Amino acid sequence: MFLIKGITPNNKSNGFAVFDLLLTKLHTMKCVSCFFLLFLQLTFSQNVETTSVDIAISKYIDGTLLTPADSIKINTLAIIIGGSGPTDRDGNQNFLKCDALKKLAIDLTNQGFSTFRFDKRVVKDLKKGIYDNEYLFDDFVKDTRDIVDFFEANFDFDKVVLIGHSQGSLIAMLASSKADGLVSIAGPAESIDAIISKQIKQSAPEYAEAADKVLASLKSGQMANEYPFVLASLFNPSIQPFLMNWMSYNPKEIFSKMIIPSLIVSGSNDLQIDPEQAQMLAEANLLSQLMIIPNMNHVLVDVSKDPLENAKSYNEPKKPVNEELIAGISKFIKSL
């Protein structure tokens, strides 16, 4: 493990992640056999000509494959996994448009790597007005494994790298059995119940004790019927099975047993996942590399320590992705 750059700001609020979690929706129907390519078109990214292919991996998962021009092509595929909530392939939700994952994919494709980013399965449901409450975190993991299997069966990439953002970090770890490398961006080291507890203590301390009782009940496998009304969206009975499934995983413990090359990345101005979480992950696996990038926030752009500027950036899709992030990921993938 090596620390490229490290700045850890103090006294920051992580409240955004609680509200992000409230949006988390999944779909429990199982993936079926893969479909083939829907259509092919040429597009032009900021720097190089690329081929863009929209692919239906299964009846629930659609995504976009970007392939760089042959002159710079490196035969490696980076699969980008989004964070919590109904996140689409570009990294956006209904009231959040930052294009973080789209910009990440384009910038990495400009470096010579093919990239695949995809809509979480709930996105298609929401577009149809479907709200299925029987979700499990494991469905995300299965979707990612299905994506890896699809490209293994239908393409000839030399290497596959999983890039998980936020919640996607844990998903990448659990789905990494066939991957050649892993990149965790803004991924927590602690289980989600510990993260939620910390966030509520910081953003709404008056509800911390009640929230901890609910989390303890869910951790033991028991549904909770009593919770403050203000936390109803977080602890609604329809969401509790999903939370119980999610909190059964401890990222630090899982990562400590992984043997594939890994890069752990965090931004110093991340309001949702403190850089300390990245440091904890890296310390759990001495084979990993650690980058803590000054000024970068949760949506991968540079901001000051002003929380208002930080929040505003969640709806500024034209802000460029941090250049050091792209350089660090590129260097890591090329080293595999």
C-alpha atoms as a PDB file:
ATOM      1  CA  MET A   1       0.000   0.000   0.000  1.00  0.00           C
ATOM      2  CA  PHE A   2       1.184   3.521  -0.705  1.00  0.00           C
ATOM      3  CA  LEU A   3      -0.319   6.902  -0.061  1.00  0.00           C
ATOM      4  CA  ILE A   4      -0.111   9.133  -3.103  1.00  0.00           C
ATOM      5  CA  LYS A   5      -1.671  12.190  -1.538  1.00  0.00           C
ATOM      6  CA  GLY A   6      -3.545  12.597   1.688  1.00  0.00           C
ATOM      7  CA  ILE A   7      -5.596  15.418   3.088  1.00  0.00           C
ATOM      8  CA  THR A   8      -8.372  14.678   5.558  1.00  0.00           C
ATOM      9  CA  PRO A   9     -10.568  17.684   6.396  1.00  0.00           C
ATOM     10  CA  ASN A  10     -12.156  17.922   9.821  1.00  0.00           C
ATOM     11  CA  ASN A  11     -15.685  18.706  10.985  1.00  0.00           C
ATOM     12  CA  LYS A  12     -17.483  17.725   7.801  1.00  0.00           C
ATOM     13  CA  SER A  13     -21.086  16.636   7.591  1.00  0.00           C
ATOM     14  CA  ASN A  14     -21.984  13.332   5.972  1.00  0.00           C
ATOM     15  CA  GLY A  15     -25.697  14.078   5.845  1.00  0.00           C
ATOM     16  CA  PHE A  16     -25.932  13.771   2.067  1.00  0.00           C
ATOM     17  CA  ALA A  17     -25.478  10.000   2.224  1.00  0.00           C
ATOM     18  CA  VAL A  18     -28.548   9.609   4.434  1.00  0.00           C
ATOM     19  CA  PHE A  19     -30.724  11.370   1.869  1.00  0.00           C
ATOM     20  CA  ASP A  20     -29.041   9.396  -0.916  1.00  0.00           C
ATOM     21  CA  LEU A  21     -29.900   6.206   0.933  1.00  0.00           C
ATOM     22  CA  LEU A  22     -33.561   7.204   1.154  1.00  0.00           C
ATOM     23  CA  LEU A  23     -33.737   6.967  -2.637  1.00  0.00           C
ATOM     24  CA  THR A  24     -32.331   3.432  -2.748  1.00  0.00           C
ATOM     25  CA  LYS A  25     -34.638   1.113  -4.676  1.00  0.00           C
ATOM     26  CA  LEU A  26     -33.885  -2.256  -6.226  1.00  0.00           C
ATOM     27  CA  HIS A  27     -35.747  -4.948  -8.081  1.00  0.00           C
ATOM     28  CA  THR A  28     -35.825  -8.600  -6.978  1.00  0.00           C
ATOM     29  CA  MET A  29     -36.691 -10.317 -10.233  1.00  0.00           C
ATOM     30  CA  LYS A  30     -33.741 -12.430 -11.302  1.00  0.00           C
ATOM     31  CA  CYS A  31     -31.660 -11.739 -14.395  1.00  0.00           C
ATOM     32  CA  VAL A  32     -32.200 -14.070 -17.330  1.00  0.00           C
ATOM     33  CA  SER A  33     -29.991 -15.024 -20.238  1.00  0.00           C
ATOM     34  CA  CYS A  34     -28.236 -12.166 -21.985  1.00  0.00           C
ATOM     35  CA  PHE A  35     -29.499 -10.333 -25.036  1.00  0.00           C
ATOM     36  CA  PHE A  36     -27.306  -9.052 -27.848  1.00  0.00           C
ATOM     37  CA  LEU A  37     -26.402  -5.578 -29.012  1.00  0.00           C
ATOM     38  CA  LEU A  38     -29.272  -3.181 -29.591  1.00  0.00           C
ATOM     39  CA  PHE A  39     -27.636  -0.679 -31.886  1.00  0.00           C
ATOM     40  CA  LEU A  40     -24.294   0.753 -32.863  1.00  0.00           C
ATOM     41  CA  GLN A  41     -23.391   4.351 -33.532  1.00  0.00           C
ATOM     42  CA  LEU A  42     -20.282   6.465 -33.804  1.00  0.00           C
ATOM     43  CA  THR A  43     -19.856   9.284 -31.316  1.00  0.00           C
ATOM     44  CA  PHE A  44     -17.142  11.804 -30.655  1.00  0.00           C
ATOM     45  CA  SER A  45     -15.842  12.388 -27.160  1.00  0.00           C
ATOM     46  CA  GLN A  46     -13.970  15.452 -26.123  1.00  0.00           C
ATOM     47  CA  ASN A  47     -10.601  14.239 -27.405  1.00  0.00           C
ATOM     48  CA  VAL A  48     -10.832  11.035 -29.438  1.00  0.00           C
ATOM     49  CA  GLU A  49     -13.230   9.256 -31.742  1.00  0.00           C
ATOM     50  CA  THR A  50     -15.063   6.487 -29.927  1.00  0.00           C
ATOM     51  CA  THR A  51     -17.595   3.814 -30.720  1.00  0.00           C
ATOM     52  CA  SER A  52     -20.694   3.840 -28.519  1.00  0.00           C
ATOM     53  CA  VAL A  53     -22.786   0.691 -28.254  1.00  0.00           C
ATOM     54  CA  ASP A  54     -25.992   0.424 -26.213  1.00  0.00           C
ATOM     55  CA  ILE A  55     -26.283  -3.100 -24.816  1.00  0.00           C
ATOM     56  CA  ALA A  56     -29.040  -4.986 -23.027  1.00  0.00           C
ATOM     57  CA  ILE A  57     -27.199  -7.291 -20.640  1.00  0.00           C
ATOM     58  CA  SER A  58     -30.457  -8.815 -19.431  1.00  0.00           C
ATOM     59  CA  LYS A  59     -34.131  -7.880 -19.453  1.00  0.00           C
ATOM     60  CA  TYR A  60     -33.418  -5.653 -16.451  1.00  0.00           C
ATOM     61  CA  ILE A  61     -29.995  -4.124 -17.153  1.00  0.00           C
ATOM     62  CA  ASP A  62     -29.105  -1.768 -20.002  1.00  0.00           C
ATOM     63  CA  GLY A  63     -25.837   0.065 -20.452  1.00  0.00           C
ATOM     64  CA  THR A  64     -23.412   1.807 -22.793  1.00  0.00           C
ATOM     65  CA  LEU A  65     -20.078   0.448 -24.017  1.00  0.00           C
ATOM     66  CA  LEU A  66     -17.545   3.056 -25.135  1.00  0.00           C
ATOM     67  CA  THR A  67     -14.591   1.822 -27.184  1.00  0.00           C
ATOM     68  CA  PRO A  68     -11.661   4.104 -28.084  1.00  0.00           C
ATOM     69  CA  ALA A  69     -10.133   4.542 -31.506  1.00  0.00           C
ATOM     70  CA  ASP A  70      -7.923   1.637 -32.580  1.00  0.00           C
ATOM     71  CA  SER A  71      -4.829   3.833 -32.586  1.00  0.00           C
ATOM     72  CA  ILE A  72      -4.928   4.233 -28.793  1.00  0.00           C
ATOM     73  CA  LYS A  73      -6.986   1.191 -27.810  1.00  0.00           C
ATOM     74  CA  ILE A  74      -5.854  -0.873 -24.831  1.00  0.00           C
ATOM     75  CA  ASN A  75      -7.731  -4.173 -24.694  1.00  0.00           C
ATOM     76  CA  THR A  76      -9.054  -3.664 -21.168  1.00  0.00           C
ATOM     77  CA  LEU A  77     -12.672  -3.164 -20.131  1.00  0.00           C
ATOM     78  CA  ALA A  78     -13.567  -1.006 -17.130  1.00  0.00           C
ATOM     79  CA  ILE A  79     -17.056  -1.706 -15.769  1.00  0.00           C
ATOM     80  CA  ILE A  80     -18.359   1.282 -13.782  1.00  0.00           C
ATOM     81  CA  ILE A  81     -20.806   0.544 -10.936  1.00  0.00           C
ATOM     82  CA  GLY A  82     -22.898   3.391  -9.563  1.00  0.00           C
ATOM     83  CA  GLY A  83     -23.763   4.298  -6.001  1.00  0.00           C
ATOM     84  CA  SER A  84     -26.953   4.074  -3.954  1.00  0.00           C
ATOM     85  CA  GLY A  85     -30.362   5.199  -5.095  1.00  0.00           C
ATOM     86  CA  PRO A  86     -31.994   4.873  -8.545  1.00  0.00           C
ATOM     87  CA  THR A  87     -28.772   5.838 -10.294  1.00  0.00           C
ATOM     88  CA  ASP A  88     -28.632   5.729 -14.087  1.00  0.00           C
ATOM     89  CA  ARG A  89     -25.632   4.949 -16.255  1.00  0.00           C
ATOM     90  CA  ASP A  90     -24.527   8.585 -16.229  1.00  0.00           C
ATOM     91  CA  GLY A  91     -24.539   8.825 -12.428  1.00  0.00           C
ATOM     92  CA  ASN A  92     -27.769  10.803 -12.213  1.00  0.00           C
ATOM     93  CA  GLN A  93     -31.066  10.537 -10.344  1.00  0.00           C
ATOM     94  CA  ASN A  94     -34.377  12.404 -10.677  1.00  0.00           C
ATOM     95  CA  PHE A  95     -33.230  15.523  -8.842  1.00  0.00           C
ATOM     96  CA  LEU A  96     -29.474  15.117  -9.244  1.00  0.00           C
ATOM     97  CA  LYS A  97     -27.708  15.639 -12.557  1.00  0.00           C
ATOM     98  CA  CYS A  98     -23.939  15.674 -12.344  1.00  0.00           C
ATOM     99  CA  ASP A  99     -23.026  13.180 -15.116  1.00  0.00           C
ATOM    100  CA  ALA A 100     -20.230  11.908 -12.866  1.00  0.00           C
ATOM    101  CA  LEU A 101     -20.165   8.366 -14.271  1.00  0.00           C
ATOM    102  CA  LYS A 102     -20.611   9.499 -17.863  1.00  0.00           C
ATOM    103  CA  LYS A 103     -17.684  11.901 -17.586  1.00  0.00           C
ATOM    104  CA  LEU A 104     -15.600   9.240 -15.838  1.00  0.00           C
ATOM    105  CA  ALA A 105     -16.330   6.773 -18.649  1.00  0.00           C
ATOM    106  CA  ILE A 106     -15.514   9.261 -21.402  1.00  0.00           C
ATOM    107  CA  ASP A 107     -12.277  10.375 -19.765  1.00  0.00           C
ATOM    108  CA  LEU A 108     -11.112   6.783 -19.253  1.00  0.00           C
ATOM    109  CA  THR A 109     -12.030   5.915 -22.839  1.00  0.00           C
ATOM    110  CA  ASN A 110      -9.905   8.869 -23.936  1.00  0.00           C
ATOM    111  CA  GLN A 111      -7.038   7.138 -22.141  1.00  0.00           C
ATOM    112  CA  GLY A 112      -7.471   4.048 -24.330  1.00  0.00           C
ATOM    113  CA  PHE A 113      -9.716   1.816 -22.199  1.00  0.00           C
ATOM    114  CA  SER A 114     -13.129   0.511 -23.125  1.00  0.00           C
ATOM    115  CA  THR A 115     -15.753   1.377 -20.527  1.00  0.00           C
ATOM    116  CA  PHE A 116     -19.206   0.032 -19.713  1.00  0.00           C
ATOM    117  CA  ARG A 117     -21.625   1.922 -17.492  1.00  0.00           C
ATOM    118  CA  PHE A 118     -25.199   0.851 -16.814  1.00  0.00           C
ATOM    119  CA  ASP A 119     -28.552   1.824 -15.364  1.00  0.00           C
ATOM    120  CA  LYS A 120     -29.350   0.174 -12.068  1.00  0.00           C
ATOM    121  CA  ARG A 121     -32.271  -2.173 -12.607  1.00  0.00           C
ATOM    122  CA  VAL A 122     -34.703   0.063 -10.750  1.00  0.00           C
ATOM    123  CA  VAL A 123     -34.203   2.860 -13.291  1.00  0.00           C
ATOM    124  CA  LYS A 124     -36.100   0.956 -15.960  1.00  0.00           C
ATOM    125  CA  ASP A 125     -38.861   0.171 -13.452  1.00  0.00           C
ATOM    126  CA  LEU A 126     -39.237   3.783 -12.395  1.00  0.00           C
ATOM    127  CA  LYS A 127     -39.551   4.891 -16.010  1.00  0.00           C
ATOM    128  CA  LYS A 128     -42.486   2.473 -16.292  1.00  0.00           C
ATOM    129  CA  GLY A 129     -44.016   3.643 -13.026  1.00  0.00           C
ATOM    130  CA  ILE A 130     -43.251   0.332 -11.312  1.00  0.00           C
ATOM    131  CA  TYR A 131     -42.404   0.394  -7.602  1.00  0.00           C
ATOM    132  CA  ASP A 132     -41.455  -3.060  -6.365  1.00  0.00           C
ATOM    133  CA  ASN A 133     -40.625  -3.131  -2.666  1.00  0.00           C
ATOM    134  CA  GLU A 134     -39.136  -6.622  -2.593  1.00  0.00           C
ATOM    135  CA  TYR A 135     -35.517  -5.645  -3.134  1.00  0.00           C
ATOM    136  CA  LEU A 136     -32.265  -7.112  -1.870  1.00  0.00           C
ATOM    137  CA  PHE A 137     -28.757  -5.717  -2.019  1.00  0.00           C
ATOM    138  CA  ASP A 138     -27.631  -9.060  -3.453  1.00  0.00           C
ATOM    139  CA  ASP A 139     -29.537  -8.265  -6.663  1.00  0.00           C
ATOM    140  CA  PHE A 140     -26.992  -5.531  -7.389  1.00  0.00           C
ATOM    141  CA  VAL A 141     -24.191  -8.027  -6.973  1.00  0.00           C
ATOM    142  CA  LYS A 142     -25.888 -10.504  -9.291  1.00  0.00           C
ATOM    143  CA  ASP A 143     -26.411  -7.810 -11.918  1.00  0.00           C
ATOM    144  CA  THR A 144     -22.697  -6.986 -11.893  1.00  0.00           C
ATOM    145  CA  ARG A 145     -21.731 -10.646 -12.136  1.00  0.00           C
ATOM    146  CA  ASP A 146     -24.103 -10.992 -15.087  1.00  0.00           C
ATOM    147  CA  ILE A 147     -22.367  -8.070 -16.781  1.00  0.00           C
ATOM    148  CA  VAL A 148     -18.939  -9.642 -16.296  1.00  0.00           C
ATOM    149  CA  ASP A 149     -20.229 -12.965 -17.621  1.00  0.00           C
ATOM    150  CA  PHE A 150     -21.785 -11.256 -20.641  1.00  0.00           C
ATOM    151  CA  PHE A 151     -18.544  -9.618 -21.719  1.00  0.00           C
ATOM    152  CA  GLU A 152     -16.588 -12.789 -21.055  1.00  0.00           C
ATOM    153  CA  ALA A 153     -18.940 -14.729 -23.351  1.00  0.00           C
ATOM    154  CA  ASN A 154     -19.381 -12.163 -26.120  1.00  0.00           C
ATOM    155  CA  PHE A 155     -16.182 -10.079 -26.241  1.00  0.00           C
ATOM    156  CA  ASP A 156     -12.458 -10.704 -26.204  1.00  0.00           C
ATOM    157  CA  PHE A 157     -11.043  -8.279 -23.653  1.00  0.00           C
ATOM    158  CA  ASP A 158      -7.670  -9.179 -22.163  1.00  0.00           C
ATOM    159  CA  LYS A 159      -8.570  -7.755 -18.751  1.00  0.00           C
ATOM    160  CA  VAL A 160     -11.682  -6.630 -16.880  1.00  0.00           C
ATOM    161  CA  VAL A 161     -11.538  -4.033 -14.100  1.00  0.00           C
ATOM    162  CA  LEU A 162     -14.454  -3.201 -11.806  1.00  0.00           C
ATOM    163  CA  ILE A 163     -14.779   0.447 -10.762  1.00  0.00           C
ATOM    164  CA  GLY A 164     -17.268   0.860  -7.931  1.00  0.00           C
ATOM    165  CA  HIS A 165     -18.436   4.281  -6.763  1.00  0.00           C
ATOM    166  CA  SER A 166     -19.808   4.672  -3.220  1.00  0.00           C
ATOM    167  CA  GLN A 167     -22.233   1.764  -2.684  1.00  0.00           C
ATOM    168  CA  GLY A 168     -20.808   0.329  -5.906  1.00  0.00           C
ATOM    169  CA  SER A 169     -17.492  -0.223  -4.146  1.00  0.00           C
ATOM    170  CA  LEU A 170     -18.909  -3.041  -2.013  1.00  0.00           C
ATOM    171  CA  ILE A 171     -20.799  -4.435  -4.999  1.00  0.00           C
ATOM    172  CA  ALA A 172     -17.546  -4.547  -6.963  1.00  0.00           C
ATOM    173  CA  MET A 173     -15.803  -6.408  -4.143  1.00  0.00           C
ATOM    174  CA  LEU A 174     -18.539  -9.034  -3.955  1.00  0.00           C
ATOM    175  CA  ALA A 175     -18.656  -9.460  -7.750  1.00  0.00           C
ATOM    176  CA  SER A 176     -14.896  -9.487  -8.353  1.00  0.00           C
ATOM    177  CA  SER A 177     -14.223 -13.225  -8.640  1.00  0.00           C
ATOM    178  CA  LYS A 178     -13.549 -12.952 -12.386  1.00  0.00           C
ATOM    179  CA  ALA A 179     -12.051  -9.458 -12.400  1.00  0.00           C
ATOM    180  CA  ASP A 180      -8.389  -8.620 -12.948  1.00  0.00           C
ATOM    181  CA  GLY A 181      -8.459  -5.462 -10.853  1.00  0.00           C
ATOM    182  CA  LEU A 182     -10.707  -3.347  -8.650  1.00  0.00           C
ATOM    183  CA  VAL A 183     -11.032   0.400  -8.124  1.00  0.00           C
ATOM    184  CA  SER A 184     -13.025   1.655  -5.146  1.00  0.00           C
ATOM    185  CA  ILE A 185     -14.054   5.316  -5.338  1.00  0.00           C
ATOM    186  CA  ALA A 186     -15.623   6.837  -2.211  1.00  0.00           C
ATOM    187  CA  GLY A 187     -16.366   3.393  -0.843  1.00  0.00           C
ATOM    188  CA  PRO A 188     -17.059   2.875   2.876  1.00  0.00           C
ATOM    189  CA  ALA A 189     -14.971   0.510   4.988  1.00  0.00           C
ATOM    190  CA  GLU A 190     -17.615   0.012   7.661  1.00  0.00           C
ATOM    191  CA  SER A 191     -20.972  -1.717   7.274  1.00  0.00           C
ATOM    192  CA  ILE A 192     -23.877   0.488   6.256  1.00  0.00           C
ATOM    193  CA  ASP A 193     -25.480   0.443   9.711  1.00  0.00           C
ATOM    194  CA  ALA A 194     -22.316   1.949  11.194  1.00  0.00           C
ATOM    195  CA  ILE A 195     -22.228   4.565   8.423  1.00  0.00           C
ATOM    196  CA  ILE A 196     -25.896   5.489   8.931  1.00  0.00           C
ATOM    197  CA  SER A 197     -25.396   5.743  12.691  1.00  0.00           C
ATOM    198  CA  LYS A 198     -22.484   8.150  12.261  1.00  0.00           C
ATOM    199  CA  GLN A 199     -24.350  10.257   9.723  1.00  0.00           C
ATOM    200  CA  ILE A 200     -27.413  10.633  11.925  1.00  0.00           C
ATOM    201  CA  LYS A 201     -25.253  11.527  14.930  1.00  0.00           C
ATOM    202  CA  GLN A 202     -23.688  14.299  12.858  1.00  0.00           C
ATOM    203  CA  SER A 203     -26.722  15.599  10.983  1.00  0.00           C
ATOM    204  CA  ALA A 204     -29.621  14.864  13.380  1.00  0.00           C
ATOM    205  CA  PRO A 205     -28.189  13.917  16.797  1.00  0.00           C
ATOM    206  CA  GLU A 206     -31.592  14.180  18.502  1.00  0.00           C
ATOM    207  CA  TYR A 207     -32.647  11.023  16.624  1.00  0.00           C
ATOM    208  CA  ALA A 208     -29.394   9.102  17.073  1.00  0.00           C
ATOM    209  CA  GLU A 209     -30.493   6.939  19.996  1.00  0.00           C
ATOM    210  CA  ALA A 210     -33.744   5.909  18.326  1.00  0.00           C
ATOM    211  CA  ALA A 211     -31.944   5.197  15.049  1.00  0.00           C
ATOM    212  CA  ASP A 212     -29.366   3.027  16.779  1.00  0.00           C
ATOM    213  CA  LYS A 213     -32.135   0.922  18.327  1.00  0.00           C
ATOM    214  CA  VAL A 214     -33.643   0.341  14.901  1.00  0.00           C
ATOM    215  CA  LEU A 215     -30.264  -0.495  13.383  1.00  0.00           C
ATOM    216  CA  ALA A 216     -29.500  -2.934  16.200  1.00  0.00           C
ATOM    217  CA  SER A 217     -32.816  -4.681  15.592  1.00  0.00           C
ATOM    218  CA  LEU A 218     -32.179  -4.943  11.859  1.00  0.00           C
ATOM    219  CA  LYS A 219     -28.640  -6.147  12.485  1.00  0.00           C
ATOM    220  CA  SER A 220     -30.049  -9.017  14.538  1.00  0.00           C
ATOM    221  CA  GLY A 221     -32.430  -9.931  11.718  1.00  0.00           C
ATOM    222  CA  GLN A 222     -35.549  -8.500  13.353  1.00  0.00           C
ATOM    223  CA  MET A 223     -37.882  -6.031  11.680  1.00  0.00           C
ATOM    224  CA  ALA A 224     -38.407  -2.752  13.543  1.00  0.00           C
ATOM    225  CA  ASN A 225     -41.906  -1.315  13.965  1.00  0.00           C
ATOM    226  CA  GLU A 226     -41.086   1.778  16.015  1.00  0.00           C
ATOM    227  CA  TYR A 227     -38.963   4.667  14.730  1.00  0.00           C
ATOM    228  CA  PRO A 228     -39.222   8.464  14.600  1.00  0.00           C
ATOM    229  CA  PHE A 229     -41.550   9.722  11.883  1.00  0.00           C
ATOM    230  CA  VAL A 230     -38.770  11.867  10.442  1.00  0.00           C
ATOM    231  CA  LEU A 231     -36.811   8.657   9.734  1.00  0.00           C
ATOM    232  CA  ALA A 232     -39.760   6.840   8.160  1.00  0.00           C
ATOM    233  CA  SER A 233     -38.314   7.013   4.645  1.00  0.00           C
ATOM    234  CA  LEU A 234     -35.102   5.447   5.877  1.00  0.00           C
ATOM    235  CA  PHE A 235     -36.644   2.741   8.052  1.00  0.00           C
ATOM    236  CA  ASN A 236     -39.889   2.074   6.223  1.00  0.00           C
ATOM    237  CA  PRO A 237     -40.784  -1.637   6.612  1.00  0.00           C
ATOM    238  CA  SER A 238     -40.609  -2.101   2.840  1.00  0.00           C
ATOM    239  CA  ILE A 239     -36.942  -1.027   2.889  1.00  0.00           C
ATOM    240  CA  GLN A 240     -35.872  -2.937   5.999  1.00  0.00           C
ATOM    241  CA  PRO A 241     -35.202  -6.295   4.264  1.00  0.00           C
ATOM    242  CA  PHE A 242     -32.911  -4.491   1.831  1.00  0.00           C
ATOM    243  CA  LEU A 243     -31.075  -2.771   4.680  1.00  0.00           C
ATOM    244  CA  MET A 244     -30.690  -6.043   6.579  1.00  0.00           C
ATOM    245  CA  ASN A 245     -29.184  -7.679   3.515  1.00  0.00           C
ATOM    246  CA  TRP A 246     -26.861  -4.718   2.902  1.00  0.00           C
ATOM    247  CA  MET A 247     -25.654  -4.429   6.491  1.00  0.00           C
ATOM    248  CA  SER A 248     -24.785  -8.126   6.604  1.00  0.00           C
ATOM    249  CA  TYR A 249     -21.644  -7.237   4.637  1.00  0.00           C
ATOM    250  CA  ASN A 250     -18.596  -5.600   6.209  1.00  0.00           C
ATOM    251  CA  PRO A 251     -16.525  -4.050   3.387  1.00  0.00           C
ATOM    252  CA  LYS A 252     -13.300  -3.958   5.402  1.00  0.00           C
ATOM    253  CA  GLU A 253     -13.520  -7.656   6.250  1.00  0.00           C
ATOM    254  CA  ILE A 254     -14.343  -8.602   2.664  1.00  0.00           C
ATOM    255  CA  PHE A 255     -11.570  -6.444   1.263  1.00  0.00           C
ATOM    256  CA  SER A 256      -9.018  -7.860   3.693  1.00  0.00           C
ATOM    257  CA  LYS A 257      -9.400 -11.267   2.017  1.00  0.00           C
ATOM    258  CA  MET A 258      -9.129 -10.066  -1.575  1.00  0.00           C
ATOM    259  CA  ILE A 259      -6.004 -10.875  -3.545  1.00  0.00           C
ATOM    260  CA  ILE A 260      -6.598  -9.036  -6.838  1.00  0.00           C
ATOM    261  CA  PRO A 261      -4.816  -5.703  -7.409  1.00  0.00           C
ATOM    262  CA  SER A 262      -6.887  -2.868  -5.967  1.00  0.00           C
ATOM    263  CA  LEU A 263      -6.872   0.914  -5.931  1.00  0.00           C
ATOM    264  CA  ILE A 264      -8.714   2.770  -3.166  1.00  0.00           C
ATOM    265  CA  VAL A 265      -9.662   6.376  -3.976  1.00  0.00           C
ATOM    266  CA  SER A 266     -11.262   9.140  -1.933  1.00  0.00           C
ATOM    267  CA  GLY A 267     -11.628  12.895  -2.228  1.00  0.00           C
ATOM    268  CA  SER A 268     -10.647  15.216   0.594  1.00  0.00           C
ATOM    269  CA  ASN A 269     -13.879  17.223   0.194  1.00  0.00           C
ATOM    270  CA  ASP A 270     -16.283  14.281   0.040  1.00  0.00           C
ATOM    271  CA  LEU A 271     -19.339  15.185   2.145  1.00  0.00           C
ATOM    272  CA  GLN A 272     -20.793  11.684   2.049  1.00  0.00           C
ATOM    273  CA  ILE A 273     -17.923   9.281   2.710  1.00  0.00           C
ATOM    274  CA  ASP A 274     -15.054  10.616   4.787  1.00  0.00           C
ATOM    275  CA  PRO A 275     -11.542   9.851   3.440  1.00  0.00           C
ATOM    276  CA  GLU A 276     -10.920   8.026   6.710  1.00  0.00           C
ATOM    277  CA  GLN A 277     -13.026   5.206   5.267  1.00  0.00           C
ATOM    278  CA  ALA A 278     -10.614   4.834   2.346  1.00  0.00           C
ATOM    279  CA  GLN A 279      -7.672   4.754   4.729  1.00  0.00           C
ATOM    280  CA  MET A 280      -9.380   2.011   6.748  1.00  0.00           C
ATOM    281  CA  LEU A 281      -9.921  -0.050   3.617  1.00  0.00           C
ATOM    282  CA  ALA A 282      -6.328   0.336   2.489  1.00  0.00           C
ATOM    283  CA  GLU A 283      -5.013  -0.633   5.913  1.00  0.00           C
ATOM    284  CA  ALA A 284      -7.092  -3.807   5.767  1.00  0.00           C
ATOM    285  CA  ASN A 285      -5.267  -5.001   2.655  1.00  0.00           C
ATOM    286  CA  LEU A 286      -1.590  -4.170   2.346  1.00  0.00           C
ATOM    287  CA  LEU A 287      -1.618  -5.203  -1.317  1.00  0.00           C
ATOM    288  CA  SER A 288      -3.842  -2.249  -2.179  1.00  0.00           C
ATOM    289  CA  GLN A 289      -2.907   1.241  -3.327  1.00  0.00           C
ATOM    290  CA  LEU A 290      -4.432   4.377  -1.804  1.00  0.00           C
ATOM    291  CA  MET A 291      -5.175   7.764  -3.335  1.00  0.00           C
ATOM    292  CA  ILE A 292      -6.698  10.597  -1.331  1.00  0.00           C
ATOM    293  CA  ILE A 293      -7.183  13.425  -3.794  1.00  0.00           C
ATOM    294  CA  PRO A 294      -7.163  17.021  -2.567  1.00  0.00           C
ATOM    295  CA  ASN A 295     -10.331  19.048  -3.257  1.00  0.00           C
ATOM    296  CA  MET A 296     -12.274  16.224  -4.955  1.00  0.00           C
ATOM    297  CA  ASN A 297     -15.808  15.597  -3.699  1.00  0.00           C
ATOM    298  CA  HIS A 298     -18.282  12.704  -3.898  1.00  0.00           C
ATOM    299  CA  VAL A 299     -19.299  13.455  -7.488  1.00  0.00           C
ATOM    300  CA  LEU A 300     -15.639  13.481  -8.561  1.00  0.00           C
ATOM    301  CA  VAL A 301     -15.170  17.209  -9.180  1.00  0.00           C
ATOM    302  CA  ASP A 302     -13.018  19.830  -7.484  1.00  0.00           C
ATOM    303  CA  VAL A 303     -14.712  22.090  -4.948  1.00  0.00           C
ATOM    304  CA  SER A 304     -13.666  24.225  -2.018  1.00  0.00           C
ATOM    305  CA  LYS A 305     -14.519  23.374   1.577  1.00  0.00           C
ATOM    306  CA  ASP A 306     -17.674  25.494   1.306  1.00  0.00           C
ATOM    307  CA  PRO A 307     -20.582  23.032   1.794  1.00  0.00           C
ATOM    308  CA  LEU A 308     -22.882  25.160  -0.378  1.00  0.00           C
ATOM    309  CA  GLU A 309     -20.474  25.010  -3.309  1.00  0.00           C
ATOM    310  CA  ASN A 310     -20.113  21.285  -2.701  1.00  0.00           C
ATOM    311  CA  ALA A 311     -23.877  20.726  -2.753  1.00  0.00           C
ATOM    312  CA  LYS A 312     -24.302  22.872  -5.853  1.00  0.00           C
ATOM    313  CA  SER A 313     -21.829  20.702  -7.778  1.00  0.00           C
ATOM    314  CA  TYR A 314     -24.288  17.778  -7.602  1.00  0.00           C
ATOM    315  CA  ASN A 315     -26.256  19.558 -10.327  1.00  0.00           C
ATOM    316  CA  GLU A 316     -23.416  20.940 -12.427  1.00  0.00           C
ATOM    317  CA  PRO A 317     -22.805  18.353 -15.163  1.00  0.00           C
ATOM    318  CA  LYS A 318     -20.379  20.594 -17.040  1.00  0.00           C
ATOM    319  CA  LYS A 319     -17.821  20.583 -14.228  1.00  0.00           C
ATOM    320  CA  PRO A 320     -14.919  18.319 -15.296  1.00  0.00           C
ATOM    321  CA  VAL A 321     -13.923  15.208 -13.413  1.00  0.00           C
ATOM    322  CA  ASN A 322     -10.788  15.618 -11.315  1.00  0.00           C
ATOM    323  CA  GLU A 323      -7.758  15.083 -13.574  1.00  0.00           C
ATOM    324  CA  GLU A 324      -5.714  13.356 -10.878  1.00  0.00           C
ATOM    325  CA  LEU A 325      -8.461  10.739 -10.544  1.00  0.00           C
ATOM    326  CA  ILE A 326      -8.284   9.877 -14.242  1.00  0.00           C
ATOM    327  CA  ALA A 327      -4.489   9.800 -14.204  1.00  0.00           C
ATOM    328  CA  GLY A 328      -4.395   7.587 -11.110  1.00  0.00           C
ATOM    329  CA  ILE A 329      -6.937   5.075 -12.413  1.00  0.00           C
ATOM    330  CA  SER A 330      -5.232   4.979 -15.814  1.00  0.00           C
ATOM    331  CA  LYS A 331      -1.834   4.318 -14.260  1.00  0.00           C
ATOM    332  CA  PHE A 332      -3.309   1.565 -12.080  1.00  0.00           C
ATOM    333  CA  ILE A 333      -5.057  -0.205 -14.978  1.00  0.00           C
ATOM    334  CA  LYS A 334      -1.963  -0.040 -17.175  1.00  0.00           C
ATOM    335  CA  SER A 335       0.050  -1.679 -14.390  1.00  0.00           C
ATOM    336  CA  LEU A 336      -2.131  -4.791 -14.330  1.00  0.00           C
END
